[in-house]
Protein backbone atom coordinates (compact mmCIF):
# COMPACT_ATOMS: atom_id res chain seq x y z
CA UNK A 1 1.10 -7.73 24.62
CA UNK A 2 -2.34 -7.58 26.05
CA UNK A 3 -4.88 -6.84 23.07
CA UNK A 4 -5.74 -3.03 22.87
CA UNK A 5 -2.90 -2.18 25.38
CA UNK A 6 -1.25 1.19 24.38
CA UNK A 7 1.99 0.91 22.86
CA UNK A 8 5.33 1.52 25.12
CA UNK A 9 5.86 4.97 23.98
CA UNK A 10 2.36 6.22 24.32
CA UNK A 11 2.01 8.15 27.42
CA UNK A 12 -0.34 11.03 27.84
CA UNK A 13 2.27 13.03 29.45
CA UNK A 14 4.40 12.75 26.45
CA UNK A 15 1.96 14.24 23.82
CA UNK A 16 1.41 11.10 22.34
CA UNK A 17 -2.03 10.98 20.21
CA UNK A 18 -2.68 7.96 22.25
CA UNK A 19 -2.69 5.21 19.17
CA UNK A 20 -3.18 1.97 20.16
CA UNK A 21 -1.58 -1.10 18.43
CA UNK A 22 -3.41 -3.56 16.56
CA UNK A 23 -5.63 -5.93 18.41
CA UNK A 24 -3.71 -8.48 16.63
CA UNK A 25 -0.17 -7.52 17.43
CA UNK A 26 2.03 -9.82 18.82
CA UNK A 27 5.63 -9.25 20.14
CA UNK A 28 8.05 -10.88 22.28
CA UNK A 29 8.40 -9.61 26.06
CA UNK A 30 11.02 -7.03 26.33
CA UNK A 31 10.96 -5.94 22.65
CA UNK A 32 9.84 -2.56 21.99
CA UNK A 33 7.25 -1.91 19.34
CA UNK A 34 9.21 0.59 18.03
CA UNK A 35 12.93 1.71 17.40
CA UNK A 36 14.09 4.74 19.33
CA UNK A 37 15.60 6.23 16.34
CA UNK A 38 13.06 8.56 14.76
CA UNK A 39 12.11 9.84 11.16
CA UNK A 40 12.98 12.89 9.65
CA UNK A 41 9.60 14.19 10.22
CA UNK A 42 10.03 13.29 14.07
CA UNK A 43 7.32 10.36 14.19
CA UNK A 44 9.02 6.97 15.41
CA UNK A 45 10.54 4.50 12.91
CA UNK A 46 7.87 1.68 11.79
CA UNK A 47 8.41 -1.61 13.86
CA UNK A 48 9.32 -4.71 12.49
CA UNK A 49 6.97 -7.22 13.76
CA UNK A 50 4.25 -9.58 12.67
CA UNK A 51 0.87 -8.45 13.58
CA UNK A 52 -1.11 -11.60 12.42
CA UNK A 53 -0.26 -15.16 12.23
CA UNK A 54 -0.45 -17.06 9.21
CA UNK A 55 -3.38 -19.22 9.80
CA UNK A 56 -5.25 -16.49 11.17
CA UNK A 57 -5.28 -14.42 8.07
CA UNK A 58 -6.15 -17.55 5.90
CA UNK A 59 -8.79 -18.35 8.14
CA UNK A 60 -10.43 -14.82 8.44
CA UNK A 61 -10.19 -14.34 4.22
CA UNK A 62 -11.64 -17.80 3.65
CA UNK A 63 -14.45 -17.10 6.12
CA UNK A 64 -15.25 -13.50 4.60
CA UNK A 65 -14.99 -14.57 0.58
CA UNK A 66 -16.39 -18.00 0.93
CA UNK A 67 -12.99 -19.60 -0.23
CA UNK A 68 -11.35 -22.74 0.19
CA UNK A 69 -7.95 -22.50 1.73
CA UNK A 70 -5.75 -22.70 -1.71
CA UNK A 71 -8.22 -20.21 -3.23
CA UNK A 72 -7.90 -18.01 -0.16
CA UNK A 73 -4.28 -18.16 -0.43
CA UNK A 74 -4.01 -17.03 -4.21
CA UNK A 75 -6.46 -14.38 -3.40
CA UNK A 76 -4.10 -13.17 -0.62
CA UNK A 77 -1.06 -13.35 -2.79
CA UNK A 78 -2.43 -11.53 -5.70
CA UNK A 79 -3.93 -8.84 -4.02
CA UNK A 80 -0.87 -8.29 -1.64
CA UNK A 81 1.55 -8.56 -4.81
CA UNK A 82 -0.91 -5.73 -6.80
CA UNK A 83 -1.15 -3.66 -3.93
CA UNK A 84 2.48 -3.75 -3.66
CA UNK A 85 3.21 -2.45 -6.88
CA UNK A 86 0.40 0.19 -6.33
CA UNK A 87 2.53 1.72 -3.28
CA UNK A 88 5.32 3.90 -3.58
CA UNK A 89 8.51 4.50 -1.69
CA UNK A 90 9.09 1.96 1.11
CA UNK A 91 5.68 1.88 2.18
CA UNK A 92 5.60 -1.78 0.46
CA UNK A 93 8.41 -2.75 2.87
CA UNK A 94 6.51 -1.45 6.08
CA UNK A 95 3.53 -3.32 4.82
CA UNK A 96 5.18 -6.40 4.29
CA UNK A 97 7.18 -6.32 7.76
CA UNK A 98 3.62 -6.76 9.56
CA UNK A 99 2.27 -9.36 7.52
CA UNK A 100 2.48 -12.91 8.66
CA UNK A 101 5.77 -14.80 7.61
CA UNK A 102 5.00 -16.98 4.05
CA UNK A 103 2.90 -13.82 3.12
CA UNK A 104 5.09 -10.95 3.48
CA UNK A 105 6.85 -12.08 0.21
CA UNK A 106 3.74 -11.56 -2.03
CA UNK A 107 4.11 -7.61 -1.57
CA UNK A 108 6.05 -6.83 -4.97
CA UNK A 109 8.13 -3.71 -4.49
CA UNK A 110 7.96 -0.67 -7.06
CA UNK A 111 9.57 2.39 -5.71
CA UNK A 112 7.61 4.81 -7.70
CA UNK A 113 4.45 3.00 -7.19
CA UNK A 114 2.04 2.51 -10.42
CA UNK A 115 -1.12 5.06 -10.51
CA UNK A 116 -4.08 2.58 -10.74
CA UNK A 117 -7.55 3.56 -10.35
CA UNK A 118 -9.79 0.93 -8.56
CA UNK A 119 -10.91 -0.80 -11.84
CA UNK A 120 -7.25 -1.17 -13.03
CA UNK A 121 -6.32 -2.46 -9.44
CA UNK A 122 -9.09 -4.96 -9.50
CA UNK A 123 -8.16 -5.93 -13.45
CA UNK A 124 -4.57 -6.69 -11.88
CA UNK A 125 -5.96 -8.66 -9.05
CA UNK A 126 -8.07 -10.93 -11.43
CA UNK A 127 -5.50 -11.81 -14.00
CA UNK A 128 -3.17 -12.59 -10.86
CA UNK A 129 -5.78 -14.60 -9.20
CA UNK A 130 -6.86 -16.15 -12.41
CA UNK A 131 -10.56 -15.36 -11.72
CA UNK A 132 -12.57 -13.62 -14.42
CA UNK A 133 -15.61 -12.73 -12.73
CA UNK A 134 -15.32 -9.01 -11.61
CA UNK A 135 -17.62 -9.39 -8.68
CA UNK A 136 -15.48 -12.25 -7.28
CA UNK A 137 -12.50 -10.47 -7.76
CA UNK A 138 -14.38 -7.40 -5.83
CA UNK A 139 -15.33 -9.80 -3.10
CA UNK A 140 -11.83 -11.32 -2.61
CA UNK A 141 -10.11 -8.03 -2.77
CA UNK A 142 -12.81 -6.48 -0.25
CA UNK A 143 -11.85 -9.68 2.14
CA UNK A 144 -8.02 -9.41 1.56
CA UNK A 145 -7.99 -5.87 2.10
CA UNK A 146 -10.48 -5.99 4.84
CA UNK A 147 -8.35 -8.25 7.09
CA UNK A 148 -5.24 -6.58 6.18
CA UNK A 149 -6.64 -3.18 7.33
CA UNK A 150 -7.45 -5.05 10.56
CA UNK A 151 -3.97 -6.43 11.03
CA UNK A 152 -2.22 -3.14 10.58
CA UNK A 153 -1.27 -1.05 13.19
CA UNK A 154 -2.94 2.40 13.24
CA UNK A 155 0.49 4.42 11.64
CA UNK A 156 0.89 1.99 9.30
CA UNK A 157 -2.84 1.66 8.17
CA UNK A 158 -2.85 5.40 7.99
CA UNK A 159 0.07 5.72 5.70
CA UNK A 160 -1.00 3.01 3.76
CA UNK A 161 -4.34 4.56 2.95
CA UNK A 162 -3.08 7.91 2.51
CA UNK A 163 -1.41 6.31 -0.91
CA UNK A 164 -4.42 5.17 -2.53
CA UNK A 165 -6.89 6.90 -4.06
CA UNK A 166 -10.76 6.57 -2.99
CA UNK A 167 -11.96 3.84 -4.77
CA UNK A 168 -9.27 1.38 -3.75
CA UNK A 169 -9.31 2.62 0.15
CA UNK A 170 -13.31 1.77 -0.02
CA UNK A 171 -12.22 -1.78 -0.58
CA UNK A 172 -10.72 -1.63 3.00
CA UNK A 173 -13.64 -1.00 4.47
CA UNK A 174 -12.28 1.32 7.22
CA UNK A 175 -12.75 5.47 7.43
CA UNK A 176 -10.17 7.36 5.19
CA UNK A 177 -7.43 9.32 6.77
CA UNK A 178 -7.68 13.09 6.67
CA UNK A 179 -4.82 15.75 6.21
């Protein structure tokens, strides 16, 4: 898939909103980015592709948070674990499906989703990352979540942000979905 290319089902005459796949999207030729079976709300089912390579995600977080490789991996794992616990339903599974192999297992599943605000979210990240400095924890969380937001396709990013309170969505550094 070419960077910024419209996904297969996106055709203006079909009533598609014209969403584009992530510029990091990677899929093998011949594989549809979405399954043909729809969800109850009429939207297509979530695709199951990796959208960013492991090394690319680590390098991006390292640069943004000024971390070494091991620290970046630990930060990513901590943030993804806490984020997964915060998400309800199958949203954690959908998130994990688009993460690089090796980091997808870091997403903790919790069917009900915990109701943490940004302060509690960051406290849990710091505990798991074993970083006591609140400013560093926030910087690491922002670096990871911004990278995750860029790696997700538009639908997944919208669904993910819609489940989170404003304080946590602010950490992603992207506009919050409306409606």
